[in-house]
Amino acid sequence: MRIMMVTGSLGGPSKPCGGAELHVLSLMQALSKRRHGIALLTGRSPNVPIQPPGVEAIFSTKTAFPILLTKLFQFDPVVYLSTLRIFRAWPPDIVHLHSFFNLSFAPIAAANRLRIPVLATLHTYWPVCLRQQLCYNEDGSCRQRYASEICAPCLARGLRDKMGVRLPVPFVNLVLRRAWRARRHLLQGVARFIAPSSTLARSLRESGFPTDRIVVIPHGLPQNNFALRPREPRFGQPGPHLLYVGRLVAGKGVQYLLEAIPQIRRAFPDLIITIAGDGPYRPALEQLCTSLGLMRITRFIGFRPRSHLAKLYAETDVIVIPSLSEVFSYVVLEAAAAGTPIVATTVGGIPEIVANGAVLVPPGDAAALAGGILAVLSDPTAAAARARLSQNRSLECFKFETMVDRAEAVYAELLNDGCFPIAPYPAVLAQPH
């Protein structure tokens, strides 16, 4: 069959390849090897590779609005007309959406007009959170569905903090109500939502998404270069080593890891921390390190290609994932496959990946995070036993070929059964609360 993947970016010099990009690239390559025709539609971006492996054709489209307005208006007429032309030039059997927000929801409308089945793999909480992560409200009161008294102030703060745009909350609330109604209407054109975790699937159901349109398909590692790698000599430092891998944004919770370090150093004064990643929050984290007196023991090494991560996992005593929100974490899955002891937060799909094979703590709690890390460092035997459990689980329950098989099954179901007309969603999604 012919499958059109739609995503905003696939990584590149200015945007390193993260979990969503890894998923799209590896899935396209795997489907191509199974003799499916694959094309890619993306935004006009310097981050798009010239020709990703396994892709027959790559299309890009201009947008009518800046990204902020696109997210608010939800629909870009320039993208809609361009997408219609692209779908006619390379007619797909299936349109598979990923992280496509810089294109608006116009590709859904274009596919619906041409009666092409649409499905979406969710890499964030975007169907139930307009800031996508369900973690930015100051008092932690996110309800996993739109609530004007929570979402409007939250978005207003986000516009102020990230872009320096100050808008009154009542105006933001008015815009959000219109955006939410437009989003609800356009999402009726998505025949299936693929959720990588049961936690996300439950959020969708509780927000009123039809159960029969939700499919849980966990991600898998396309190439397991992490498992069974022997532990390696570390960086030449005597103390235990902690590792963080990921983007440096507020929602990843690295600030709580740094705040936990003074408590850990009382028991392990030779502690070394390595932070592998980059992002807009890095200056704030470096400033926090300075204020806590941690710069001497903290290494900010920037983004590292995934091919280099196995060595980092093998050199560390504990990998820490302090996220405030995750749909699914490839870093957790990689660390589990490597047999590295894990301390992580109880958010999203993380508990489903590790089960009893890691120390899990509440998000946003530096004291709890310090306690979890101390538990691992203080009892290496128990930590190694947990690491073996998570390694076995990663190899048995998150096989890449199984993920591809199940994606193919969803494609076949949509083609064989048809997906039109698409019934409207229940009234629970009709009005913001």
Protein backbone atom coordinates (compact mmCIF):
# COMPACT_ATOMS: atom_id res chain seq x y z
CA MET A 1 0.00 0.00 0.00
CA ARG A 2 1.00 3.64 -0.37
CA ILE A 3 1.45 5.51 2.92
CA MET A 4 1.94 9.25 3.32
CA MET A 5 3.69 10.19 6.57
CA VAL A 6 3.02 13.74 7.78
CA THR A 7 5.35 15.37 10.29
CA GLY A 8 6.74 18.81 10.96
CA SER A 9 10.41 17.89 11.22
CA LEU A 10 12.74 14.91 11.21
CA GLY A 11 15.63 16.47 13.08
CA GLY A 12 18.72 18.11 11.69
CA PRO A 13 21.47 20.56 12.58
CA SER A 14 19.19 22.94 14.51
CA LYS A 15 16.84 20.33 15.95
CA PRO A 16 18.41 17.03 17.01
CA CYS A 17 16.52 13.83 16.34
CA GLY A 18 14.32 13.04 19.34
CA GLY A 19 11.96 10.20 20.12
CA ALA A 20 9.22 11.26 17.69
CA GLU A 21 11.70 11.72 14.84
CA LEU A 22 13.35 8.37 15.61
CA HIS A 23 9.96 6.68 15.50
CA VAL A 24 8.96 8.19 12.14
CA LEU A 25 12.30 7.50 10.45
CA SER A 26 12.52 3.92 11.65
CA LEU A 27 8.88 3.17 10.82
CA MET A 28 9.24 4.54 7.28
CA GLN A 29 12.34 2.47 6.68
CA ALA A 30 10.74 -0.71 8.05
CA LEU A 31 7.57 -0.28 5.99
CA SER A 32 9.64 0.37 2.87
CA LYS A 33 11.52 -2.91 3.43
CA ARG A 34 8.12 -4.62 3.53
CA ARG A 35 7.48 -3.25 0.02
CA HIS A 36 5.08 -0.46 0.94
CA GLY A 37 5.35 2.82 -0.93
CA ILE A 38 6.32 5.62 1.48
CA ALA A 39 6.18 9.37 0.97
CA LEU A 40 6.75 12.18 3.43
CA LEU A 41 4.93 15.50 3.80
CA THR A 42 6.57 18.03 6.05
CA GLY A 43 6.85 21.74 6.69
CA ARG A 44 9.38 23.76 4.75
CA SER A 45 12.24 23.43 7.22
CA PRO A 46 16.04 23.20 7.15
CA ASN A 47 15.71 20.29 9.59
CA VAL A 48 14.26 17.91 6.98
CA PRO A 49 16.77 15.40 5.59
CA ILE A 50 17.18 15.51 1.82
CA GLN A 51 15.98 11.92 1.39
CA PRO A 52 15.29 9.82 4.50
CA PRO A 53 15.94 6.08 4.04
CA GLY A 54 13.06 4.18 2.47
CA VAL A 55 11.16 7.24 1.23
CA GLU A 56 10.06 7.38 -2.41
CA ALA A 57 9.14 11.07 -2.42
CA ILE A 58 9.39 13.97 -0.02
CA PHE A 59 7.02 16.95 -0.20
CA SER A 60 7.07 20.22 1.70
CA THR A 61 4.60 23.05 1.94
CA LYS A 62 4.69 26.68 2.88
CA THR A 63 2.44 28.01 5.61
CA ALA A 64 0.30 31.13 5.62
CA PHE A 65 0.86 32.05 9.27
CA PRO A 66 3.63 32.08 11.87
CA ILE A 67 3.60 28.95 14.05
CA LEU A 68 1.80 30.67 16.95
CA LEU A 69 -1.10 31.78 14.78
CA THR A 70 -1.23 28.37 13.11
CA LYS A 71 -1.65 26.72 16.50
CA LEU A 72 -4.38 29.15 17.49
CA PHE A 73 -6.33 29.13 14.22
CA GLN A 74 -5.88 25.34 13.78
CA PHE A 75 -6.37 25.58 10.01
CA ASP A 76 -4.03 26.95 7.34
CA PRO A 77 -5.66 27.46 3.90
CA VAL A 78 -2.29 27.54 2.12
CA VAL A 79 -1.36 24.16 3.59
CA TYR A 80 -4.80 22.80 2.72
CA LEU A 81 -4.53 23.69 -0.97
CA SER A 82 -0.92 22.56 -1.15
CA THR A 83 -1.77 19.25 0.53
CA LEU A 84 -4.61 18.61 -1.91
CA ARG A 85 -2.15 19.05 -4.80
CA ILE A 86 0.39 16.75 -3.13
CA PHE A 87 -2.16 14.02 -2.40
CA ARG A 88 -3.26 14.16 -6.05
CA ALA A 89 0.33 14.05 -7.32
CA TRP A 90 1.24 11.09 -5.09
CA PRO A 91 -2.11 9.46 -4.20
CA PRO A 92 -1.77 7.64 -0.86
CA ASP A 93 -3.92 4.80 0.43
CA ILE A 94 -3.31 5.96 4.04
CA VAL A 95 -2.32 9.28 5.61
CA HIS A 96 -0.40 8.75 8.85
CA LEU A 97 0.01 11.89 10.99
CA HIS A 98 2.75 12.45 13.55
CA SER A 99 3.99 15.80 14.93
CA PHE A 100 2.38 18.07 12.36
CA PHE A 101 1.29 21.21 14.24
CA ASN A 102 3.28 23.68 12.19
CA LEU A 103 1.08 22.52 9.29
CA SER A 104 -2.17 22.98 11.25
CA PHE A 105 -4.97 20.43 10.91
CA ALA A 106 -5.29 21.15 7.18
CA PRO A 107 -3.84 17.75 6.07
CA ILE A 108 -6.76 16.05 7.85
CA ALA A 109 -9.29 18.14 5.92
CA ALA A 110 -7.48 17.52 2.62
CA ALA A 111 -7.39 13.75 3.17
CA ASN A 112 -11.07 13.74 4.17
CA ARG A 113 -12.02 15.62 1.02
CA LEU A 114 -10.26 12.97 -1.09
CA ARG A 115 -11.66 10.19 1.10
CA ILE A 116 -8.27 8.94 2.22
CA PRO A 117 -8.23 7.23 5.64
CA VAL A 118 -6.33 9.17 8.30
CA LEU A 119 -4.70 7.92 11.49
CA ALA A 120 -2.46 9.72 13.97
CA THR A 121 0.31 8.44 16.22
CA LEU A 122 0.41 10.60 19.35
CA HIS A 123 3.84 11.70 20.55
CA THR A 124 2.46 14.26 23.01
CA TYR A 125 -0.85 14.96 24.72
CA TRP A 126 -1.93 17.40 21.99
CA PRO A 127 -5.52 16.11 21.64
CA VAL A 128 -6.24 16.94 25.28
CA CYS A 129 -3.76 19.76 26.01
CA LEU A 130 -3.17 22.83 23.85
CA ARG A 131 0.37 23.09 25.26
CA GLN A 132 0.79 19.39 24.50
CA GLN A 133 2.41 18.21 27.75
CA LEU A 134 -0.13 18.39 30.61
CA CYS A 135 2.54 19.63 32.98
CA TYR A 136 2.85 23.41 32.83
CA ASN A 137 0.06 24.56 35.12
CA GLU A 138 1.64 26.08 38.19
CA ASP A 139 -0.43 24.25 40.81
CA GLY A 140 -0.44 20.89 39.00
CA SER A 141 -4.19 20.98 38.41
CA CYS A 142 -4.23 19.77 34.78
CA ARG A 143 -7.37 17.71 34.22
CA GLN A 144 -6.38 15.94 31.00
CA ARG A 145 -9.15 17.78 29.16
CA TYR A 146 -9.82 21.40 28.24
CA ALA A 147 -10.92 23.53 31.20
CA SER A 148 -11.02 27.26 30.49
CA GLU A 149 -10.26 28.31 34.07
CA ILE A 150 -7.03 26.29 33.95
CA CYS A 151 -5.97 26.26 30.30
CA ALA A 152 -6.38 29.96 29.49
CA PRO A 153 -4.12 31.23 32.33
CA CYS A 154 -1.65 28.42 31.58
CA LEU A 155 -1.37 29.36 27.90
CA ALA A 156 -1.17 33.08 28.75
CA ARG A 157 1.83 32.31 31.01
CA GLY A 158 3.39 30.23 28.25
CA LEU A 159 3.08 33.05 25.72
CA ARG A 160 4.61 35.45 28.21
CA ASP A 161 7.49 33.20 29.29
CA LYS A 162 8.44 31.71 25.91
CA MET A 163 7.69 34.55 23.49
CA GLY A 164 7.41 37.68 25.60
CA VAL A 165 3.80 38.12 24.41
CA ARG A 166 1.46 39.46 27.07
CA LEU A 167 -2.23 38.90 26.42
CA PRO A 168 -5.13 39.27 28.88
CA VAL A 169 -6.47 35.94 30.08
CA PRO A 170 -10.08 36.68 28.96
CA PHE A 171 -8.84 37.26 25.40
CA VAL A 172 -6.76 34.06 25.48
CA ASN A 173 -9.80 32.18 26.78
CA LEU A 174 -11.94 33.48 23.87
CA VAL A 175 -9.32 32.42 21.32
CA LEU A 176 -8.90 29.02 22.96
CA ARG A 177 -12.62 28.32 22.92
CA ARG A 178 -12.73 28.97 19.18
CA ALA A 179 -9.55 26.94 18.63
CA TRP A 180 -10.94 24.04 20.65
CA ARG A 181 -14.17 23.95 18.64
CA ALA A 182 -12.21 24.03 15.37
CA ARG A 183 -9.92 21.27 16.62
CA ARG A 184 -12.86 19.11 17.67
CA HIS A 185 -14.45 19.47 14.24
CA LEU A 186 -11.23 18.62 12.39
CA LEU A 187 -10.39 15.66 14.65
CA GLN A 188 -13.61 13.98 13.57
CA GLY A 189 -11.70 13.19 10.39
CA VAL A 190 -9.14 10.99 12.18
CA ALA A 191 -10.23 7.35 11.98
CA ARG A 192 -7.67 5.95 14.47
CA PHE A 193 -5.45 7.37 17.20
CA ILE A 194 -2.37 5.25 17.99
CA ALA A 195 -1.37 5.74 21.63
CA PRO A 196 2.09 4.43 22.63
CA SER A 197 0.91 3.92 26.22
CA SER A 198 -2.23 2.83 28.04
CA THR A 199 -2.00 6.00 30.13
CA LEU A 200 -2.43 8.18 27.06
CA ALA A 201 -5.24 5.97 25.77
CA ARG A 202 -7.06 6.40 29.09
CA SER A 203 -6.65 10.20 28.86
CA LEU A 204 -8.25 10.14 25.42
CA ARG A 205 -11.17 8.01 26.58
CA GLU A 206 -11.77 10.19 29.62
CA SER A 207 -11.79 13.24 27.35
CA GLY A 208 -14.56 11.76 25.23
CA PHE A 209 -12.65 10.25 22.32
CA PRO A 210 -14.44 7.16 20.97
CA THR A 211 -12.93 3.97 22.35
CA ASP A 212 -13.12 2.21 18.99
CA ARG A 213 -10.81 4.82 17.46
CA ILE A 214 -8.03 4.35 20.03
CA VAL A 215 -5.35 1.69 19.53
CA VAL A 216 -2.46 1.12 21.97
CA ILE A 217 0.78 0.25 20.15
CA PRO A 218 3.95 0.68 22.28
CA HIS A 219 7.07 1.85 20.50
CA GLY A 220 10.00 -0.49 19.95
CA LEU A 221 13.72 0.03 19.48
CA PRO A 222 14.57 -0.22 15.77
CA GLN A 223 18.13 -1.38 16.46
CA ASN A 224 18.97 -2.65 19.89
CA ASN A 225 22.60 -1.61 20.23
CA PHE A 226 22.19 -1.23 23.97
CA ALA A 227 21.51 -4.72 25.32
CA LEU A 228 24.23 -6.89 26.79
CA ARG A 229 26.94 -4.24 26.40
CA PRO A 230 29.55 -4.76 29.14
CA ARG A 231 29.96 -2.12 31.80
CA GLU A 232 32.82 0.17 30.86
CA PRO A 233 35.41 2.23 32.74
CA ARG A 234 33.92 5.58 33.55
CA PHE A 235 35.25 9.07 32.92
CA GLY A 236 38.26 8.62 35.20
CA GLN A 237 36.43 10.05 38.21
CA PRO A 238 36.18 8.07 41.47
CA GLY A 239 32.60 8.86 42.49
CA PRO A 240 29.30 7.44 41.31
CA HIS A 241 27.95 8.81 38.05
CA LEU A 242 24.46 10.05 37.26
CA LEU A 243 23.28 10.56 33.69
CA TYR A 244 20.43 12.54 32.14
CA VAL A 245 19.67 12.23 28.41
CA GLY A 246 17.09 14.39 26.68
CA ARG A 247 16.03 17.86 25.61
CA LEU A 248 16.62 20.69 28.04
CA VAL A 249 13.14 22.13 28.46
CA ALA A 250 11.21 22.82 31.65
CA GLY A 251 8.88 19.85 31.19
CA LYS A 252 11.78 17.38 31.37
CA GLY A 253 12.27 18.24 35.05
CA VAL A 254 16.09 18.51 35.06
CA GLN A 255 15.79 21.39 37.53
CA TYR A 256 14.49 18.93 40.14
CA LEU A 257 17.43 16.60 39.51
CA LEU A 258 19.85 19.46 40.16
CA GLU A 259 17.96 20.49 43.29
CA ALA A 260 18.23 16.89 44.54
CA ILE A 261 22.03 16.74 44.20
CA PRO A 262 23.03 18.52 47.45
CA GLN A 263 21.12 15.90 49.47
CA ILE A 264 22.78 13.06 47.55
CA ARG A 265 26.27 14.54 47.97
CA ARG A 266 26.02 14.25 51.72
CA ALA A 267 26.29 10.49 51.28
CA PHE A 268 28.32 10.50 48.04
CA PRO A 269 30.54 13.60 47.97
CA ASP A 270 32.42 12.43 44.84
CA LEU A 271 29.23 12.32 42.74
CA ILE A 272 29.51 13.26 39.05
CA ILE A 273 26.55 14.32 36.87
CA THR A 274 26.48 14.23 33.07
CA ILE A 275 23.71 16.04 31.20
CA ALA A 276 23.53 14.93 27.57
CA GLY A 277 21.18 17.15 25.63
CA ASP A 278 20.46 20.70 24.65
CA GLY A 279 17.56 23.09 24.45
CA PRO A 280 16.23 26.51 25.43
CA TYR A 281 16.30 25.72 29.16
CA ARG A 282 20.06 25.10 29.26
CA PRO A 283 21.09 28.64 30.38
CA ALA A 284 18.61 28.48 33.28
CA LEU A 285 19.94 25.05 34.30
CA GLU A 286 23.54 26.25 34.16
CA GLN A 287 22.58 29.23 36.30
CA LEU A 288 20.88 26.86 38.77
CA CYS A 289 24.04 24.74 38.87
CA THR A 290 26.07 27.82 39.69
CA SER A 291 23.71 28.91 42.47
CA LEU A 292 23.78 25.40 43.98
CA GLY A 293 27.57 25.13 43.68
CA LEU A 294 27.38 22.19 41.29
CA MET A 295 29.30 23.40 38.23
CA ARG A 296 32.46 21.57 39.28
CA ILE A 297 30.70 18.20 39.29
CA THR A 298 28.22 18.75 36.44
CA ARG A 299 29.12 18.17 32.79
CA PHE A 300 26.85 19.67 30.12
CA ILE A 301 27.99 17.73 27.05
CA GLY A 302 25.25 18.81 24.64
CA PHE A 303 23.35 16.67 22.18
CA ARG A 304 24.77 13.22 21.48
CA PRO A 305 23.70 11.06 18.52
CA ARG A 306 21.86 7.90 19.48
CA SER A 307 24.79 5.87 18.20
CA HIS A 308 26.86 7.33 21.08
CA LEU A 309 24.33 6.71 23.83
CA ALA A 310 25.12 3.03 24.43
CA LYS A 311 28.58 4.00 25.69
CA LEU A 312 27.11 6.62 28.02
CA TYR A 313 24.58 4.13 29.42
CA ALA A 314 27.35 1.57 29.99
CA GLU A 315 29.51 4.10 31.85
CA THR A 316 26.90 5.37 34.30
CA ASP A 317 25.68 4.08 37.67
CA VAL A 318 22.18 5.56 37.42
CA ILE A 319 20.25 7.15 34.62
CA VAL A 320 17.70 9.67 35.88
CA ILE A 321 14.52 10.57 33.99
CA PRO A 322 12.87 13.35 36.09
CA SER A 323 10.18 14.22 33.51
CA LEU A 324 7.03 16.09 34.45
CA SER A 325 5.26 14.58 31.44
CA GLU A 326 5.95 11.76 29.00
CA VAL A 327 3.75 9.91 26.54
CA PHE A 328 6.48 7.32 25.99
CA SER A 329 10.19 7.60 26.73
CA TYR A 330 12.72 6.14 24.31
CA VAL A 331 15.45 7.03 26.80
CA VAL A 332 13.83 4.81 29.43
CA LEU A 333 13.50 2.00 26.90
CA GLU A 334 17.13 2.37 25.79
CA ALA A 335 18.42 2.47 29.36
CA ALA A 336 16.35 -0.58 30.23
CA ALA A 337 17.75 -2.45 27.22
CA ALA A 338 21.26 -1.46 28.31
CA GLY A 339 20.73 -2.85 31.80
CA THR A 340 21.42 0.52 33.42
CA PRO A 341 19.75 1.19 36.80
CA ILE A 342 16.90 3.66 36.34
CA VAL A 343 15.32 6.28 38.57
CA ALA A 344 12.34 7.90 36.88
CA THR A 345 9.06 9.63 37.57
CA THR A 346 5.63 8.02 37.57
CA VAL A 347 4.36 9.88 34.52
CA GLY A 348 2.82 8.72 31.26
CA GLY A 349 4.09 5.47 29.82
CA ILE A 350 7.23 5.21 31.98
CA PRO A 351 5.76 2.76 34.56
CA GLU A 352 4.49 0.60 31.68
CA ILE A 353 8.00 0.33 30.24
CA VAL A 354 9.86 -0.61 33.43
CA ALA A 355 7.15 -2.24 35.62
CA ASN A 356 9.12 -3.35 38.72
CA GLY A 357 12.49 -2.81 37.08
CA ALA A 358 13.18 0.75 38.27
CA VAL A 359 12.81 3.10 41.20
CA LEU A 360 9.86 5.39 40.46
CA VAL A 361 9.13 8.67 42.26
CA PRO A 362 6.48 11.40 41.96
CA PRO A 363 7.20 14.17 39.43
CA GLY A 364 8.30 17.62 40.53
CA ASP A 365 9.64 16.43 43.91
CA ALA A 366 13.39 16.94 44.40
CA ALA A 367 13.41 15.27 47.81
CA ALA A 368 11.70 12.14 46.48
CA LEU A 369 14.10 12.09 43.52
CA ALA A 370 17.08 12.31 45.86
CA GLY A 371 15.65 9.45 47.92
CA GLY A 372 15.23 7.28 44.84
CA ILE A 373 18.79 7.92 43.64
CA LEU A 374 20.20 7.25 47.12
CA ALA A 375 18.27 3.95 47.22
CA VAL A 376 19.98 2.83 44.02
CA LEU A 377 23.48 4.00 44.94
CA SER A 378 23.25 2.55 48.45
CA ASP A 379 22.27 -0.95 47.33
CA PRO A 380 24.02 -1.88 44.05
CA THR A 381 22.91 -5.52 44.31
CA ALA A 382 19.21 -4.64 44.38
CA ALA A 383 19.77 -2.03 41.67
CA ALA A 384 21.39 -4.63 39.41
CA ALA A 385 18.50 -7.03 39.99
CA ARG A 386 15.96 -4.35 39.02
CA ALA A 387 18.04 -3.49 35.97
CA ARG A 388 17.92 -7.13 34.82
CA LEU A 389 14.15 -7.14 35.20
CA SER A 390 13.74 -4.00 33.10
CA GLN A 391 16.20 -5.32 30.51
CA ASN A 392 14.29 -8.57 30.11
CA ARG A 393 11.02 -6.67 29.85
CA SER A 394 12.39 -4.28 27.21
CA LEU A 395 13.54 -7.21 25.07
CA GLU A 396 10.31 -9.19 25.43
CA CYS A 397 7.57 -6.56 25.39
CA PHE A 398 8.89 -3.78 23.13
CA LYS A 399 9.99 -5.54 19.97
CA PHE A 400 10.27 -3.26 16.97
CA GLU A 401 8.92 -5.80 14.49
CA THR A 402 5.82 -6.29 16.63
CA MET A 403 5.19 -2.54 16.55
CA VAL A 404 5.47 -2.51 12.74
CA ASP A 405 3.18 -5.56 12.47
CA ARG A 406 0.51 -3.84 14.51
CA ALA A 407 0.79 -0.59 12.53
CA GLU A 408 0.32 -2.59 9.32
CA ALA A 409 -2.74 -4.26 10.85
CA VAL A 410 -4.31 -0.85 11.55
CA TYR A 411 -3.63 0.26 7.96
CA ALA A 412 -5.24 -2.91 6.62
CA GLU A 413 -8.27 -2.53 8.90
CA LEU A 414 -8.92 1.01 7.68
CA LEU A 415 -8.58 0.00 4.03
CA ASN A 416 -10.67 -3.15 4.32
CA ASP A 417 -13.48 -1.79 6.49
CA GLY A 418 -13.59 1.78 5.19
CA CYS A 419 -13.79 4.78 7.48
CA PHE A 420 -16.46 7.06 5.97
CA PRO A 421 -18.72 8.64 6.89
CA ILE A 422 -17.07 9.48 10.19
CA ALA A 423 -19.59 9.98 12.97
CA PRO A 424 -19.28 13.06 15.16
CA TYR A 425 -17.67 12.80 18.55
CA PRO A 426 -19.79 12.64 21.71
CA ALA A 427 -21.02 15.86 23.24
CA VAL A 428 -18.36 15.71 25.97
CA LEU A 429 -15.94 17.19 23.43
CA ALA A 430 -18.37 19.76 22.11
CA GLN A 431 -17.84 22.49 24.68
CA PRO A 432 -14.83 23.52 26.76
CA HIS A 433 -15.34 23.12 30.48
